[in-house]
PDB file of N, CA and C in Angstrom:
ATOM      1  N   UNK A   1     123.968 158.953 142.167  1.00  0.00           N
ATOM      2  CA  UNK A   1     123.874 157.616 142.383  1.00  0.00           C
ATOM      3  C   UNK A   1     125.207 157.045 142.256  1.00  0.00           C
ATOM      4  N   UNK A   2     125.456 156.078 143.193  1.00  0.00           N
ATOM      5  CA  UNK A   2     126.882 155.520 143.058  1.00  0.00           C
ATOM      6  C   UNK A   2     127.139 154.454 142.022  1.00  0.00           C
ATOM      7  N   UNK A   3     128.302 153.909 142.012  1.00  0.00           N
ATOM      8  CA  UNK A   3     128.594 152.868 140.944  1.00  0.00           C
ATOM      9  C   UNK A   3     127.839 151.602 141.170  1.00  0.00           C
ATOM     10  N   UNK A   4     127.847 150.779 140.182  1.00  0.00           N
ATOM     11  CA  UNK A   4     127.100 149.588 140.220  1.00  0.00           C
ATOM     12  C   UNK A   4     127.633 148.641 141.260  1.00  0.00           C
ATOM     13  N   UNK A   5     128.867 148.781 141.641  1.00  0.00           N
ATOM     14  CA  UNK A   5     129.604 147.951 142.681  1.00  0.00           C
ATOM     15  C   UNK A   5     129.085 148.059 144.190  1.00  0.00           C
ATOM     16  N   UNK A   6     128.297 149.324 144.240  1.00  0.00           N
ATOM     17  CA  UNK A   6     127.858 149.680 145.479  1.00  0.00           C
ATOM     18  C   UNK A   6     126.420 149.164 145.823  1.00  0.00           C
ATOM     19  N   UNK A   7     125.780 148.787 144.793  1.00  0.00           N
ATOM     20  CA  UNK A   7     124.446 148.299 144.778  1.00  0.00           C
ATOM     21  C   UNK A   7     124.420 146.956 145.654  1.00  0.00           C
ATOM     22  N   UNK A   8     123.369 146.912 146.451  1.00  0.00           N
ATOM     23  CA  UNK A   8     123.334 145.752 147.501  1.00  0.00           C
ATOM     24  C   UNK A   8     123.200 144.358 146.747  1.00  0.00           C
ATOM     25  N   UNK A   9     122.352 144.436 145.668  1.00  0.00           N
ATOM     26  CA  UNK A   9     122.260 143.006 144.901  1.00  0.00           C
ATOM     27  C   UNK A   9     123.595 142.563 144.369  1.00  0.00           C
ATOM     28  N   UNK A  10     124.455 143.519 143.704  1.00  0.00           N
ATOM     29  CA  UNK A  10     125.688 143.342 143.246  1.00  0.00           C
ATOM     30  C   UNK A  10     126.661 142.824 144.371  1.00  0.00           C
ATOM     31  N   UNK A  11     126.487 143.475 145.431  1.00  0.00           N
ATOM     32  CA  UNK A  11     127.336 143.002 146.594  1.00  0.00           C
ATOM     33  C   UNK A  11     127.029 141.643 147.067  1.00  0.00           C
ATOM     34  N   UNK A  12     125.778 141.465 147.111  1.00  0.00           N
ATOM     35  CA  UNK A  12     125.373 140.074 147.481  1.00  0.00           C
ATOM     36  C   UNK A  12     125.835 139.052 146.456  1.00  0.00           C
ATOM     37  N   UNK A  13     125.802 139.362 145.121  1.00  0.00           N
ATOM     38  CA  UNK A  13     126.084 138.329 144.145  1.00  0.00           C
ATOM     39  C   UNK A  13     127.632 138.122 144.235  1.00  0.00           C
ATOM     40  N   UNK A  14     128.467 139.162 144.553  1.00  0.00           N
ATOM     41  CA  UNK A  14     129.942 138.887 144.564  1.00  0.00           C
ATOM     42  C   UNK A  14     130.319 138.053 145.857  1.00  0.00           C
ATOM     43  N   UNK A  15     129.534 138.313 146.949  1.00  0.00           N
ATOM     44  CA  UNK A  15     129.682 137.676 148.202  1.00  0.00           C
ATOM     45  C   UNK A  15     129.306 136.110 147.988  1.00  0.00           C
ATOM     46  N   UNK A  16     128.181 136.043 147.322  1.00  0.00           N
ATOM     47  CA  UNK A  16     127.808 134.636 147.004  1.00  0.00           C
ATOM     48  C   UNK A  16     128.782 133.870 146.138  1.00  0.00           C
ATOM     49  N   UNK A  17     129.251 134.535 145.200  1.00  0.00           N
ATOM     50  CA  UNK A  17     130.161 133.937 144.234  1.00  0.00           C
ATOM     51  C   UNK A  17     131.546 133.460 145.102  1.00  0.00           C
ATOM     52  N   UNK A  18     131.914 134.385 145.966  1.00  0.00           N
ATOM     53  CA  UNK A  18     133.225 134.072 146.773  1.00  0.00           C
ATOM     54  C   UNK A  18     132.908 132.869 147.715  1.00  0.00           C
ATOM     55  N   UNK A  19     131.740 132.939 148.230  1.00  0.00           N
ATOM     56  CA  UNK A  19     131.385 131.926 149.099  1.00  0.00           C
ATOM     57  C   UNK A  19     131.223 130.394 148.532  1.00  0.00           C
ATOM     58  N   UNK A  20     130.561 130.489 147.203  1.00  0.00           N
ATOM     59  CA  UNK A  20     130.497 129.160 146.518  1.00  0.00           C
ATOM     60  C   UNK A  20     131.880 128.749 146.190  1.00  0.00           C
ATOM     61  N   UNK A  21     132.776 129.721 145.684  1.00  0.00           N
ATOM     62  CA  UNK A  21     134.085 129.304 145.458  1.00  0.00           C
ATOM     63  C   UNK A  21     134.990 128.689 146.436  1.00  0.00           C
ATOM     64  N   UNK A  22     134.743 129.334 147.775  1.00  0.00           N
ATOM     65  CA  UNK A  22     135.340 128.748 148.935  1.00  0.00           C
ATOM     66  C   UNK A  22     134.762 127.352 149.296  1.00  0.00           C
ATOM     67  N   UNK A  23     133.513 127.212 149.218  1.00  0.00           N
ATOM     68  CA  UNK A  23     132.752 125.891 149.365  1.00  0.00           C
ATOM     69  C   UNK A  23     133.397 124.884 148.471  1.00  0.00           C
ATOM     70  N   UNK A  24     133.472 125.258 147.267  1.00  0.00           N
ATOM     71  CA  UNK A  24     133.925 124.227 146.182  1.00  0.00           C
ATOM     72  C   UNK A  24     135.315 123.914 146.536  1.00  0.00           C
ATOM     73  N   UNK A  25     136.224 124.758 146.880  1.00  0.00           N
ATOM     74  CA  UNK A  25     137.649 124.425 147.135  1.00  0.00           C
ATOM     75  C   UNK A  25     137.690 123.581 148.376  1.00  0.00           C
ATOM     76  N   UNK A  26     136.921 123.964 149.401  1.00  0.00           N
ATOM     77  CA  UNK A  26     136.853 123.141 150.684  1.00  0.00           C
ATOM     78  C   UNK A  26     136.471 121.646 150.295  1.00  0.00           C
ATOM     79  N   UNK A  27     135.335 121.507 149.453  1.00  0.00           N
ATOM     80  CA  UNK A  27     134.775 120.197 149.152  1.00  0.00           C
ATOM     81  C   UNK A  27     135.879 119.393 148.330  1.00  0.00           C
ATOM     82  N   UNK A  28     136.616 119.993 147.532  1.00  0.00           N
ATOM     83  CA  UNK A  28     137.674 119.285 146.704  1.00  0.00           C
ATOM     84  C   UNK A  28     138.770 118.865 147.724  1.00  0.00           C
ATOM     85  N   UNK A  29     139.246 119.697 148.648  1.00  0.00           N
ATOM     86  CA  UNK A  29     140.174 119.335 149.503  1.00  0.00           C
ATOM     87  C   UNK A  29     139.818 118.276 150.418  1.00  0.00           C
ATOM     88  N   UNK A  30     138.492 118.215 150.901  1.00  0.00           N
ATOM     89  CA  UNK A  30     138.010 117.094 151.790  1.00  0.00           C
ATOM     90  C   UNK A  30     137.897 115.881 151.047  1.00  0.00           C
ATOM     91  N   UNK A  31     137.402 115.985 149.870  1.00  0.00           N
ATOM     92  CA  UNK A  31     137.442 114.804 148.889  1.00  0.00           C
ATOM     93  C   UNK A  31     138.767 114.100 148.646  1.00  0.00           C
ATOM     94  N   UNK A  32     139.656 115.007 148.279  1.00  0.00           N
ATOM     95  CA  UNK A  32     141.015 114.538 148.069  1.00  0.00           C
ATOM     96  C   UNK A  32     141.593 113.789 149.479  1.00  0.00           C
ATOM     97  N   UNK A  33     141.540 114.489 150.623  1.00  0.00           N
ATOM     98  CA  UNK A  33     141.987 113.907 151.734  1.00  0.00           C
ATOM     99  C   UNK A  33     141.310 112.655 152.130  1.00  0.00           C
ATOM    100  N   UNK A  34     140.001 112.540 151.986  1.00  0.00           N
ATOM    101  CA  UNK A  34     139.309 111.303 152.186  1.00  0.00           C
ATOM    102  C   UNK A  34     139.856 110.207 151.261  1.00  0.00           C
ATOM    103  N   UNK A  35     139.967 110.457 150.197  1.00  0.00           N
ATOM    104  CA  UNK A  35     140.336 109.420 149.161  1.00  0.00           C
ATOM    105  C   UNK A  35     141.740 109.086 149.623  1.00  0.00           C
ATOM    106  N   UNK A  36     142.655 109.887 150.002  1.00  0.00           N
ATOM    107  CA  UNK A  36     144.048 109.498 150.386  1.00  0.00           C
ATOM    108  C   UNK A  36     144.035 108.697 151.634  1.00  0.00           C
ATOM    109  N   UNK A  37     143.132 109.031 152.631  1.00  0.00           N
ATOM    110  CA  UNK A  37     142.981 108.297 153.910  1.00  0.00           C
ATOM    111  C   UNK A  37     142.439 106.874 153.554  1.00  0.00           C
ATOM    112  N   UNK A  38     141.450 106.732 152.660  1.00  0.00           N
ATOM    113  CA  UNK A  38     140.989 105.513 152.415  1.00  0.00           C
ATOM    114  C   UNK A  38     142.001 104.597 151.768  1.00  0.00           C
ATOM    115  N   UNK A  39     142.713 105.150 150.871  1.00  0.00           N
ATOM    116  CA  UNK A  39     143.848 104.479 150.201  1.00  0.00           C
ATOM    117  C   UNK A  39     144.884 103.940 151.255  1.00  0.00           C
ATOM    118  N   UNK A  40     145.178 104.644 152.223  1.00  0.00           N
ATOM    119  CA  UNK A  40     146.075 104.127 153.340  1.00  0.00           C
ATOM    120  C   UNK A  40     145.305 103.301 154.148  1.00  0.00           C
ATOM    121  N   UNK A  41     144.085 103.356 154.556  1.00  0.00           N
ATOM    122  CA  UNK A  41     143.458 102.520 155.536  1.00  0.00           C
ATOM    123  C   UNK A  41     143.034 101.077 154.827  1.00  0.00           C
ATOM    124  N   UNK A  42     142.788 101.048 153.540  1.00  0.00           N
ATOM    125  CA  UNK A  42     142.396  99.665 152.937  1.00  0.00           C
ATOM    126  C   UNK A  42     143.342  98.719 153.283  1.00  0.00           C
ATOM    127  N   UNK A  43     144.805  98.887 152.746  1.00  0.00           N
ATOM    128  CA  UNK A  43     145.754  97.821 153.030  1.00  0.00           C
ATOM    129  C   UNK A  43     145.949  97.436 154.598  1.00  0.00           C
ATOM    130  N   UNK A  44     145.882  98.605 155.425  1.00  0.00           N
ATOM    131  CA  UNK A  44     146.012  98.232 156.798  1.00  0.00           C
ATOM    132  C   UNK A  44     144.790  97.441 157.425  1.00  0.00           C
ATOM    133  N   UNK A  45     143.673  97.897 156.919  1.00  0.00           N
ATOM    134  CA  UNK A  45     142.479  96.963 157.340  1.00  0.00           C
ATOM    135  C   UNK A  45     142.440  95.626 156.877  1.00  0.00           C
ATOM    136  N   UNK A  46     142.943  95.413 155.616  1.00  0.00           N
ATOM    137  CA  UNK A  46     142.995  94.051 155.064  1.00  0.00           C
ATOM    138  C   UNK A  46     144.119  93.273 155.920  1.00  0.00           C
ATOM    139  N   UNK A  47     145.292  93.814 156.103  1.00  0.00           N
ATOM    140  CA  UNK A  47     146.213  93.225 156.953  1.00  0.00           C
ATOM    141  C   UNK A  47     145.768  92.784 158.333  1.00  0.00           C
ATOM    142  N   UNK A  48     144.954  93.671 159.028  1.00  0.00           N
ATOM    143  CA  UNK A  48     144.487  93.537 160.261  1.00  0.00           C
ATOM    144  C   UNK A  48     143.407  92.331 160.256  1.00  0.00           C
ATOM    145  N   UNK A  49     142.549  92.422 159.140  1.00  0.00           N
ATOM    146  CA  UNK A  49     141.493  91.263 159.055  1.00  0.00           C
ATOM    147  C   UNK A  49     142.167  90.035 159.013  1.00  0.00           C
ATOM    148  N   UNK A  50     143.293  89.930 157.963  1.00  0.00           N
ATOM    149  CA  UNK A  50     144.081  88.701 157.710  1.00  0.00           C
ATOM    150  C   UNK A  50     144.704  88.335 159.023  1.00  0.00           C
ATOM    151  N   UNK A  51     145.237  89.154 159.723  1.00  0.00           N
ATOM    152  CA  UNK A  51     145.898  88.749 161.082  1.00  0.00           C
ATOM    153  C   UNK A  51     144.977  88.216 161.988  1.00  0.00           C
ATOM    154  N   UNK A  52     143.722  88.919 162.258  1.00  0.00           N
ATOM    155  CA  UNK A  52     142.709  88.398 163.073  1.00  0.00           C
ATOM    156  C   UNK A  52     142.202  87.067 162.594  1.00  0.00           C
ATOM    157  N   UNK A  53     141.910  86.877 161.283  1.00  0.00           N
ATOM    158  CA  UNK A  53     141.480  85.654 160.872  1.00  0.00           C
ATOM    159  C   UNK A  53     142.491  84.476 161.205  1.00  0.00           C
ATOM    160  N   UNK A  54     143.681  84.734 160.985  1.00  0.00           N
ATOM    161  CA  UNK A  54     144.744  83.728 161.310  1.00  0.00           C
ATOM    162  C   UNK A  54     144.815  83.432 162.858  1.00  0.00           C
ATOM    163  N   UNK A  55     144.695  84.499 163.662  1.00  0.00           N
ATOM    164  CA  UNK A  55     144.770  84.268 165.055  1.00  0.00           C
ATOM    165  C   UNK A  55     143.494  83.488 165.542  1.00  0.00           C
ATOM    166  N   UNK A  56     142.310  83.721 165.073  1.00  0.00           N
ATOM    167  CA  UNK A  56     141.137  83.101 165.497  1.00  0.00           C
ATOM    168  C   UNK A  56     141.164  81.652 164.892  1.00  0.00           C
ATOM    169  N   UNK A  57     141.844  81.349 163.772  1.00  0.00           N
ATOM    170  CA  UNK A  57     141.664  80.077 163.329  1.00  0.00           C
ATOM    171  C   UNK A  57     142.952  79.198 163.767  1.00  0.00           C
ATOM    172  N   UNK A  58     143.976  79.977 164.351  1.00  0.00           N
ATOM    173  CA  UNK A  58     145.118  79.324 164.720  1.00  0.00           C
ATOM    174  C   UNK A  58     146.105  78.878 163.570  1.00  0.00           C
ATOM    175  N   UNK A  59     145.887  79.440 162.371  1.00  0.00           N
ATOM    176  CA  UNK A  59     146.777  79.304 161.204  1.00  0.00           C
ATOM    177  C   UNK A  59     147.774  80.326 160.946  1.00  0.00           C
ATOM    178  N   UNK A  60     148.347  80.912 162.037  1.00  0.00           N
ATOM    179  CA  UNK A  60     149.150  81.980 161.880  1.00  0.00           C
ATOM    180  C   UNK A  60     150.695  81.448 161.298  1.00  0.00           C
ATOM    181  N   UNK A  61     150.848  80.189 161.256  1.00  0.00           N
ATOM    182  CA  UNK A  61     152.161  79.780 160.665  1.00  0.00           C
ATOM    183  C   UNK A  61     151.929  79.169 159.339  1.00  0.00           C
ATOM    184  N   UNK A  62     150.799  79.357 158.625  1.00  0.00           N
ATOM    185  CA  UNK A  62     150.483  78.913 157.428  1.00  0.00           C
ATOM    186  C   UNK A  62     151.019  79.905 156.276  1.00  0.00           C
ATOM    187  N   UNK A  63     151.625  79.209 155.171  1.00  0.00           N
ATOM    188  CA  UNK A  63     152.028  80.115 154.153  1.00  0.00           C
ATOM    189  C   UNK A  63     150.768  80.774 153.382  1.00  0.00           C
ATOM    190  N   UNK A  64     150.985  81.930 153.158  1.00  0.00           N
ATOM    191  CA  UNK A  64     149.896  82.732 152.631  1.00  0.00           C
ATOM    192  C   UNK A  64     150.326  83.228 151.093  1.00  0.00           C
ATOM    193  N   UNK A  65     151.237  82.653 150.502  1.00  0.00           N
ATOM    194  CA  UNK A  65     151.739  82.975 149.137  1.00  0.00           C
ATOM    195  C   UNK A  65     150.626  82.853 148.158  1.00  0.00           C
ATOM    196  N   UNK A  66     150.498  83.878 147.322  1.00  0.00           N
ATOM    197  CA  UNK A  66     149.533  83.690 146.052  1.00  0.00           C
ATOM    198  C   UNK A  66     150.301  83.032 144.924  1.00  0.00           C
ATOM    199  N   UNK A  67     150.459  81.761 145.092  1.00  0.00           N
ATOM    200  CA  UNK A  67     151.512  81.004 144.193  1.00  0.00           C
ATOM    201  C   UNK A  67     151.122  81.152 142.670  1.00  0.00           C
ATOM    202  N   UNK A  68     149.913  81.201 142.410  1.00  0.00           N
ATOM    203  CA  UNK A  68     149.461  81.453 140.965  1.00  0.00           C
ATOM    204  C   UNK A  68     149.924  82.671 140.355  1.00  0.00           C
ATOM    205  N   UNK A  69     150.071  83.710 141.164  1.00  0.00           N
ATOM    206  CA  UNK A  69     150.506  84.969 140.572  1.00  0.00           C
ATOM    207  C   UNK A  69     151.958  85.347 140.968  1.00  0.00           C
ATOM    208  N   UNK A  70     152.440  84.872 142.188  1.00  0.00           N
ATOM    209  CA  UNK A  70     153.770  85.104 142.692  1.00  0.00           C
ATOM    210  C   UNK A  70     154.962  84.337 141.996  1.00  0.00           C
ATOM    211  N   UNK A  71     154.692  83.190 141.644  1.00  0.00           N
ATOM    212  CA  UNK A  71     155.655  82.253 140.994  1.00  0.00           C
ATOM    213  C   UNK A  71     154.827  81.166 140.149  1.00  0.00           C
ATOM    214  N   UNK A  72     154.186  81.650 139.045  1.00  0.00           N
ATOM    215  CA  UNK A  72     153.374  80.842 138.180  1.00  0.00           C
ATOM    216  C   UNK A  72     154.146  79.742 137.541  1.00  0.00           C
ATOM    217  N   UNK A  73     155.409  79.794 137.386  1.00  0.00           N
ATOM    218  CA  UNK A  73     156.235  78.789 136.742  1.00  0.00           C
ATOM    219  C   UNK A  73     156.635  77.821 137.666  1.00  0.00           C
ATOM    220  N   UNK A  74     156.415  77.960 138.988  1.00  0.00           N
ATOM    221  CA  UNK A  74     156.687  76.832 140.118  1.00  0.00           C
ATOM    222  C   UNK A  74     155.618  76.563 140.865  1.00  0.00           C
ATOM    223  N   UNK A  75     154.513  76.205 140.383  1.00  0.00           N
ATOM    224  CA  UNK A  75     153.308  75.801 141.047  1.00  0.00           C
ATOM    225  C   UNK A  75     153.550  74.410 141.766  1.00  0.00           C
ATOM    226  N   UNK A  76     153.032  74.258 142.949  1.00  0.00           N
ATOM    227  CA  UNK A  76     153.174  73.033 143.701  1.00  0.00           C
ATOM    228  C   UNK A  76     154.306  72.924 144.429  1.00  0.00           C
ATOM    229  N   UNK A  77     155.078  73.888 144.679  1.00  0.00           N
ATOM    230  CA  UNK A  77     156.269  73.836 145.430  1.00  0.00           C
ATOM    231  C   UNK A  77     155.880  74.233 146.845  1.00  0.00           C
ATOM    232  N   UNK A  78     154.965  74.839 147.228  1.00  0.00           N
ATOM    233  CA  UNK A  78     154.418  75.278 148.440  1.00  0.00           C
ATOM    234  C   UNK A  78     154.388  74.120 149.515  1.00  0.00           C
ATOM    235  N   UNK A  79     155.037  74.213 150.696  1.00  0.00           N
ATOM    236  CA  UNK A  79     154.891  73.081 151.822  1.00  0.00           C
ATOM    237  C   UNK A  79     154.072  73.542 152.767  1.00  0.00           C
ATOM    238  N   UNK A  80     153.467  74.891 152.860  1.00  0.00           N
ATOM    239  CA  UNK A  80     152.549  75.230 153.751  1.00  0.00           C
ATOM    240  C   UNK A  80     152.973  75.645 155.147  1.00  0.00           C
ATOM    241  N   UNK A  81     154.234  75.687 155.389  1.00  0.00           N
ATOM    242  CA  UNK A  81     154.702  76.068 156.688  1.00  0.00           C
ATOM    243  C   UNK A  81     155.499  77.371 156.473  1.00  0.00           C
ATOM    244  N   UNK A  82     155.047  78.472 157.004  1.00  0.00           N
ATOM    245  CA  UNK A  82     155.582  79.734 156.850  1.00  0.00           C
ATOM    246  C   UNK A  82     156.890  79.776 157.685  1.00  0.00           C
ATOM    247  N   UNK A  83     158.030  80.464 157.166  1.00  0.00           N
ATOM    248  CA  UNK A  83     159.151  80.448 157.851  1.00  0.00           C
ATOM    249  C   UNK A  83     159.575  81.948 157.889  1.00  0.00           C
ATOM    250  N   UNK A  84     159.026  82.649 157.097  1.00  0.00           N
ATOM    251  CA  UNK A  84     159.381  84.183 156.893  1.00  0.00           C
ATOM    252  C   UNK A  84     158.176  85.083 156.421  1.00  0.00           C
ATOM    253  N   UNK A  85     158.266  86.326 156.588  1.00  0.00           N
ATOM    254  CA  UNK A  85     157.309  87.258 156.116  1.00  0.00           C
ATOM    255  C   UNK A  85     158.012  88.147 154.964  1.00  0.00           C
ATOM    256  N   UNK A  86     157.272  88.430 153.963  1.00  0.00           N
ATOM    257  CA  UNK A  86     157.839  89.287 152.869  1.00  0.00           C
ATOM    258  C   UNK A  86     156.700  90.180 152.510  1.00  0.00           C
ATOM    259  N   UNK A  87     157.181  91.433 152.186  1.00  0.00           N
ATOM    260  CA  UNK A  87     156.168  92.538 151.908  1.00  0.00           C
ATOM    261  C   UNK A  87     155.751  92.306 150.382  1.00  0.00           C
ATOM    262  N   UNK A  88     154.482  92.090 149.989  1.00  0.00           N
ATOM    263  CA  UNK A  88     154.120  92.022 148.695  1.00  0.00           C
ATOM    264  C   UNK A  88     153.011  93.213 148.590  1.00  0.00           C
ATOM    265  N   UNK A  89     153.426  94.138 147.751  1.00  0.00           N
ATOM    266  CA  UNK A  89     152.673  95.316 147.480  1.00  0.00           C
ATOM    267  C   UNK A  89     152.684  96.099 148.984  1.00  0.00           C
ATOM    268  N   UNK A  90     151.572  96.348 149.580  1.00  0.00           N
ATOM    269  CA  UNK A  90     151.490  96.991 150.856  1.00  0.00           C
ATOM    270  C   UNK A  90     151.115  96.013 152.037  1.00  0.00           C
ATOM    271  N   UNK A  91     151.254  94.616 151.886  1.00  0.00           N
ATOM    272  CA  UNK A  91     150.792  93.744 152.742  1.00  0.00           C
ATOM    273  C   UNK A  91     151.998  92.875 153.085  1.00  0.00           C
ATOM    274  N   UNK A  92     152.094  92.466 154.288  1.00  0.00           N
ATOM    275  CA  UNK A  92     153.147  91.434 154.785  1.00  0.00           C
ATOM    276  C   UNK A  92     152.441  90.117 154.618  1.00  0.00           C
ATOM    277  N   UNK A  93     153.167  89.199 153.940  1.00  0.00           N
ATOM    278  CA  UNK A  93     152.686  87.799 153.648  1.00  0.00           C
ATOM    279  C   UNK A  93     153.633  86.783 154.147  1.00  0.00           C
ATOM    280  N   UNK A  94     153.003  86.022 154.869  1.00  0.00           N
ATOM    281  CA  UNK A  94     153.838  84.702 155.401  1.00  0.00           C
ATOM    282  C   UNK A  94     154.083  83.686 154.410  1.00  0.00           C
ATOM    283  N   UNK A  95     155.367  83.367 154.229  1.00  0.00           N
ATOM    284  CA  UNK A  95     155.761  82.579 153.041  1.00  0.00           C
ATOM    285  C   UNK A  95     156.616  81.287 153.679  1.00  0.00           C
ATOM    286  N   UNK A  96     156.381  80.176 153.014  1.00  0.00           N
ATOM    287  CA  UNK A  96     157.239  78.975 153.302  1.00  0.00           C
ATOM    288  C   UNK A  96     158.489  79.073 152.553  1.00  0.00           C
ATOM    289  N   UNK A  97     159.439  78.388 152.943  1.00  0.00           N
ATOM    290  CA  UNK A  97     160.795  78.634 152.228  1.00  0.00           C
ATOM    291  C   UNK A  97     160.758  78.272 150.750  1.00  0.00           C
ATOM    292  N   UNK A  98     159.970  77.118 150.165  1.00  0.00           N
ATOM    293  CA  UNK A  98     159.916  76.920 148.831  1.00  0.00           C
ATOM    294  C   UNK A  98     159.324  78.070 148.119  1.00  0.00           C
ATOM    295  N   UNK A  99     158.281  78.664 148.639  1.00  0.00           N
ATOM    296  CA  UNK A  99     157.551  79.943 147.924  1.00  0.00           C
ATOM    297  C   UNK A  99     158.516  81.013 148.015  1.00  0.00           C
ATOM    298  N   UNK A 100     159.297  81.330 149.126  1.00  0.00           N
ATOM    299  CA  UNK A 100     160.158  82.454 149.050  1.00  0.00           C
ATOM    300  C   UNK A 100     161.189  82.215 148.074  1.00  0.00           C
ATOM    301  N   UNK A 101     161.813  81.086 147.898  1.00  0.00           N
ATOM    302  CA  UNK A 101     162.777  80.904 146.885  1.00  0.00           C
ATOM    303  C   UNK A 101     162.330  80.904 145.488  1.00  0.00           C
ATOM    304  N   UNK A 102     161.193  80.387 145.231  1.00  0.00           N
ATOM    305  CA  UNK A 102     160.498  80.419 143.898  1.00  0.00           C
ATOM    306  C   UNK A 102     160.137  81.828 143.510  1.00  0.00           C
ATOM    307  N   UNK A 103     159.780  82.789 144.522  1.00  0.00           N
ATOM    308  CA  UNK A 103     159.504  84.199 144.201  1.00  0.00           C
ATOM    309  C   UNK A 103     160.762  84.878 143.853  1.00  0.00           C
ATOM    310  N   UNK A 104     161.820  84.625 144.470  1.00  0.00           N
ATOM    311  CA  UNK A 104     163.067  85.210 144.377  1.00  0.00           C
ATOM    312  C   UNK A 104     163.585  84.883 143.032  1.00  0.00           C
ATOM    313  N   UNK A 105     163.451  83.646 142.565  1.00  0.00           N
ATOM    314  CA  UNK A 105     163.788  83.063 141.231  1.00  0.00           C
ATOM    315  C   UNK A 105     163.110  83.742 140.183  1.00  0.00           C
ATOM    316  N   UNK A 106     161.773  83.876 140.516  1.00  0.00           N
ATOM    317  CA  UNK A 106     160.887  84.406 139.390  1.00  0.00           C
ATOM    318  C   UNK A 106     161.211  85.933 139.291  1.00  0.00           C
ATOM    319  N   UNK A 107     161.782  86.544 140.121  1.00  0.00           N
ATOM    320  CA  UNK A 107     162.084  88.098 140.074  1.00  0.00           C
ATOM    321  C   UNK A 107     163.386  88.335 139.522  1.00  0.00           C
ATOM    322  N   UNK A 108     164.097  87.258 139.455  1.00  0.00           N
ATOM    323  CA  UNK A 108     165.644  87.386 138.861  1.00  0.00           C
ATOM    324  C   UNK A 108     165.581  87.871 137.477  1.00  0.00           C
ATOM    325  N   UNK A 109     166.292  88.719 136.969  1.00  0.00           N
ATOM    326  CA  UNK A 109     166.354  88.975 135.529  1.00  0.00           C
ATOM    327  C   UNK A 109     166.913  87.897 134.799  1.00  0.00           C
ATOM    328  N   UNK A 110     166.378  87.664 133.650  1.00  0.00           N
ATOM    329  CA  UNK A 110     166.795  86.415 132.916  1.00  0.00           C
ATOM    330  C   UNK A 110     167.673  86.871 131.775  1.00  0.00           C
TER     331      UNK A 110
END
């Protein structure tokens, strides 16, 4: 009688173990790739929605500064008329001149 490795049940168990290992690796890679893709799509989709909303409402020249967090010490400086675009995180944000200056001052080392 041959060794235990030649037994069909043992061969099946080894093949099954190899297959489940391969499927587990594939599942991990797909999950990682999906997570990475969603991480890249989320900011792009938000920017597209924001641009679409601005185009539909006709407010593409409005300042979109998050004043309360971008320059909390200079509240109330916003004049509402965007003059430039600045990248905040992963999104381009339209800013009025006073908000742009206030953000620059807020970021300066003290």
